[in-house]
Amino acid sequence: MKDLFQVSSAGHRLTCFVCQGDTYDRRQMTLLTSMVANSGFNKRGEVAVCSTCGYVHTFMGGTPLAWEQVE
């Protein structure tokens, strides 16, 4: 079974935009920001994947996310 988390940013709990779920799988993703995949200009982002519907919420820098593991 994978670890599930509730996510907060700037004191606000994340609720899925699609299904209003509130538990997420924690992942990192490389976002292609240039025409060449291995150019070094691409950005790494933290993503929260909704455990209910699979919608991917992407976060780039700014306020750090708070991940609270759900038992």
N, C-alpha and C. Protein backbone atom coordinates (compact mmCIF):
# COMPACT_ATOMS: atom_id res chain seq x y z
N MET A 1 0.85 -1.19 0.00
CA MET A 1 0.00 0.00 0.00
C MET A 1 0.89 1.24 0.00
N LYS A 2 0.57 2.23 -0.83
CA LYS A 2 1.38 3.43 -0.89
C LYS A 2 1.00 4.41 0.21
N ASP A 3 1.96 5.26 0.55
CA ASP A 3 1.73 6.27 1.57
C ASP A 3 0.85 7.37 1.00
N LEU A 4 -0.13 7.79 1.76
CA LEU A 4 -1.02 8.88 1.37
C LEU A 4 -0.81 10.06 2.30
N PHE A 5 -0.99 11.26 1.76
CA PHE A 5 -0.74 12.48 2.51
C PHE A 5 -1.89 13.47 2.34
N GLN A 6 -2.03 14.34 3.32
CA GLN A 6 -2.83 15.55 3.17
C GLN A 6 -1.82 16.66 2.98
N VAL A 7 -2.14 17.62 2.12
CA VAL A 7 -1.19 18.65 1.70
C VAL A 7 -1.71 20.03 2.07
N SER A 8 -0.81 20.86 2.58
CA SER A 8 -1.15 22.26 2.88
C SER A 8 -0.09 23.17 2.27
N SER A 9 -0.52 24.36 1.89
CA SER A 9 0.39 25.38 1.40
C SER A 9 -0.09 26.72 1.93
N ALA A 10 0.82 27.47 2.51
CA ALA A 10 0.50 28.79 3.09
C ALA A 10 -0.68 28.70 4.06
N GLY A 11 -0.75 27.60 4.81
CA GLY A 11 -1.79 27.44 5.82
C GLY A 11 -3.14 26.98 5.30
N HIS A 12 -3.23 26.65 4.02
CA HIS A 12 -4.49 26.21 3.42
C HIS A 12 -4.37 24.77 2.98
N ARG A 13 -5.32 23.94 3.39
CA ARG A 13 -5.32 22.52 3.00
C ARG A 13 -5.77 22.39 1.55
N LEU A 14 -5.04 21.58 0.79
CA LEU A 14 -5.36 21.35 -0.61
C LEU A 14 -6.55 20.41 -0.73
N THR A 15 -7.51 20.82 -1.55
CA THR A 15 -8.66 19.98 -1.91
C THR A 15 -8.62 19.84 -3.42
N CYS A 16 -8.79 18.62 -3.91
CA CYS A 16 -8.70 18.36 -5.35
C CYS A 16 -9.69 19.23 -6.12
N PHE A 17 -9.21 19.85 -7.21
CA PHE A 17 -10.05 20.70 -8.05
C PHE A 17 -11.15 19.91 -8.75
N VAL A 18 -10.90 18.62 -8.98
CA VAL A 18 -11.83 17.80 -9.77
C VAL A 18 -12.87 17.12 -8.89
N CYS A 19 -12.41 16.39 -7.85
CA CYS A 19 -13.34 15.55 -7.08
C CYS A 19 -13.49 15.96 -5.62
N GLN A 20 -12.79 17.00 -5.18
CA GLN A 20 -12.79 17.49 -3.80
C GLN A 20 -12.18 16.48 -2.81
N GLY A 21 -11.39 15.52 -3.32
CA GLY A 21 -10.67 14.60 -2.44
C GLY A 21 -9.62 15.35 -1.65
N ASP A 22 -9.11 14.72 -0.57
CA ASP A 22 -8.10 15.41 0.24
C ASP A 22 -6.91 14.55 0.61
N THR A 23 -6.70 13.43 -0.09
CA THR A 23 -5.51 12.63 0.13
C THR A 23 -4.75 12.48 -1.18
N TYR A 24 -3.41 12.48 -1.06
CA TYR A 24 -2.55 12.56 -2.24
C TYR A 24 -1.36 11.63 -2.13
N ASP A 25 -0.86 11.24 -3.31
CA ASP A 25 0.39 10.53 -3.43
C ASP A 25 1.45 11.59 -3.73
N ARG A 26 2.59 11.52 -3.06
CA ARG A 26 3.64 12.54 -3.21
C ARG A 26 4.62 12.11 -4.30
N ARG A 27 4.85 12.98 -5.26
CA ARG A 27 5.75 12.68 -6.38
C ARG A 27 6.58 13.91 -6.74
N GLN A 28 7.66 13.67 -7.49
CA GLN A 28 8.45 14.73 -8.10
C GLN A 28 8.36 14.54 -9.60
N MET A 29 8.38 15.62 -10.36
CA MET A 29 8.23 15.53 -11.80
C MET A 29 9.16 16.53 -12.46
N THR A 30 9.72 16.14 -13.60
CA THR A 30 10.50 17.07 -14.39
C THR A 30 9.58 17.70 -15.42
N LEU A 31 9.51 19.02 -15.41
CA LEU A 31 8.67 19.74 -16.35
C LEU A 31 9.54 20.25 -17.49
N LEU A 32 9.23 19.84 -18.69
CA LEU A 32 10.02 20.24 -19.85
C LEU A 32 9.71 21.70 -20.18
N THR A 33 10.73 22.54 -20.02
CA THR A 33 10.55 23.97 -20.26
C THR A 33 11.37 24.44 -21.46
N SER A 34 12.03 23.50 -22.12
CA SER A 34 12.81 23.84 -23.31
C SER A 34 12.55 22.79 -24.37
N MET A 35 13.05 23.02 -25.57
CA MET A 35 12.83 22.09 -26.67
C MET A 35 13.67 20.82 -26.55
N VAL A 36 14.72 20.87 -25.75
CA VAL A 36 15.62 19.72 -25.61
C VAL A 36 15.45 19.15 -24.21
N ALA A 37 15.04 17.89 -24.12
CA ALA A 37 14.70 17.29 -22.83
C ALA A 37 15.86 17.28 -21.84
N ASN A 38 17.09 17.07 -22.28
CA ASN A 38 18.24 16.99 -21.37
C ASN A 38 19.10 18.24 -21.41
N SER A 39 18.51 19.39 -21.63
CA SER A 39 19.27 20.62 -21.81
C SER A 39 19.75 21.24 -20.50
N GLY A 40 19.20 20.81 -19.37
CA GLY A 40 19.56 21.42 -18.09
C GLY A 40 18.70 22.61 -17.74
N PHE A 41 17.83 23.05 -18.65
CA PHE A 41 16.96 24.19 -18.39
C PHE A 41 15.60 23.78 -17.87
N ASN A 42 15.36 22.48 -17.78
CA ASN A 42 14.06 21.99 -17.31
C ASN A 42 13.96 22.16 -15.80
N LYS A 43 12.76 22.25 -15.31
CA LYS A 43 12.50 22.49 -13.89
C LYS A 43 11.95 21.22 -13.23
N ARG A 44 12.34 21.03 -11.96
CA ARG A 44 11.77 19.95 -11.16
C ARG A 44 10.67 20.57 -10.31
N GLY A 45 9.55 19.88 -10.26
CA GLY A 45 8.43 20.36 -9.46
C GLY A 45 7.91 19.26 -8.57
N GLU A 46 7.27 19.66 -7.51
CA GLU A 46 6.63 18.71 -6.61
C GLU A 46 5.18 18.59 -7.03
N VAL A 47 4.68 17.37 -7.10
CA VAL A 47 3.30 17.17 -7.51
C VAL A 47 2.56 16.35 -6.47
N ALA A 48 1.27 16.66 -6.33
CA ALA A 48 0.38 15.91 -5.46
C ALA A 48 -0.64 15.24 -6.39
N VAL A 49 -0.63 13.91 -6.41
CA VAL A 49 -1.54 13.16 -7.27
C VAL A 49 -2.73 12.72 -6.41
N CYS A 50 -3.93 13.17 -6.77
CA CYS A 50 -5.13 12.84 -6.00
C CYS A 50 -5.30 11.33 -5.95
N SER A 51 -5.48 10.79 -4.77
CA SER A 51 -5.63 9.34 -4.61
C SER A 51 -7.00 8.85 -5.03
N THR A 52 -7.95 9.77 -5.23
CA THR A 52 -9.30 9.38 -5.64
C THR A 52 -9.45 9.37 -7.16
N CYS A 53 -9.08 10.48 -7.81
CA CYS A 53 -9.32 10.58 -9.27
C CYS A 53 -8.06 10.62 -10.11
N GLY A 54 -6.89 10.83 -9.49
CA GLY A 54 -5.63 10.84 -10.22
C GLY A 54 -5.22 12.18 -10.79
N TYR A 55 -5.99 13.24 -10.53
CA TYR A 55 -5.63 14.57 -11.02
C TYR A 55 -4.28 14.97 -10.43
N VAL A 56 -3.40 15.55 -11.25
CA VAL A 56 -2.06 15.94 -10.82
C VAL A 56 -2.03 17.44 -10.53
N HIS A 57 -1.78 17.80 -9.28
CA HIS A 57 -1.64 19.19 -8.85
C HIS A 57 -0.14 19.50 -8.84
N THR A 58 0.30 20.47 -9.63
CA THR A 58 1.72 20.78 -9.78
C THR A 58 2.08 22.06 -9.04
N PHE A 59 3.22 22.04 -8.33
CA PHE A 59 3.69 23.18 -7.57
C PHE A 59 5.13 23.47 -7.94
N MET A 60 5.41 24.73 -8.26
CA MET A 60 6.75 25.15 -8.66
C MET A 60 7.23 26.25 -7.72
N GLY A 61 8.17 25.92 -6.84
CA GLY A 61 8.76 26.93 -5.97
C GLY A 61 7.74 27.63 -5.10
N GLY A 62 8.03 28.86 -4.74
CA GLY A 62 7.10 29.61 -3.90
C GLY A 62 7.02 29.05 -2.49
N THR A 63 5.85 29.07 -1.92
CA THR A 63 5.64 28.59 -0.57
C THR A 63 5.82 27.07 -0.52
N PRO A 64 6.64 26.57 0.41
CA PRO A 64 6.83 25.12 0.49
C PRO A 64 5.54 24.41 0.90
N LEU A 65 5.39 23.21 0.43
CA LEU A 65 4.22 22.39 0.78
C LEU A 65 4.47 21.68 2.10
N ALA A 66 3.41 21.50 2.87
CA ALA A 66 3.47 20.72 4.11
C ALA A 66 2.73 19.41 3.84
N TRP A 67 3.45 18.29 4.01
CA TRP A 67 2.89 16.96 3.75
C TRP A 67 2.65 16.27 5.08
N GLU A 68 1.41 15.89 5.36
CA GLU A 68 1.07 15.20 6.60
C GLU A 68 0.56 13.81 6.23
N GLN A 69 1.31 12.79 6.69
CA GLN A 69 0.95 11.42 6.31
C GLN A 69 -0.34 11.00 6.98
N VAL A 70 -1.19 10.33 6.19
CA VAL A 70 -2.48 9.82 6.66
C VAL A 70 -2.29 8.35 6.99
N GLU A 71 -2.80 7.95 8.14
CA GLU A 71 -2.65 6.53 8.54
C GLU A 71 -3.76 5.68 7.99
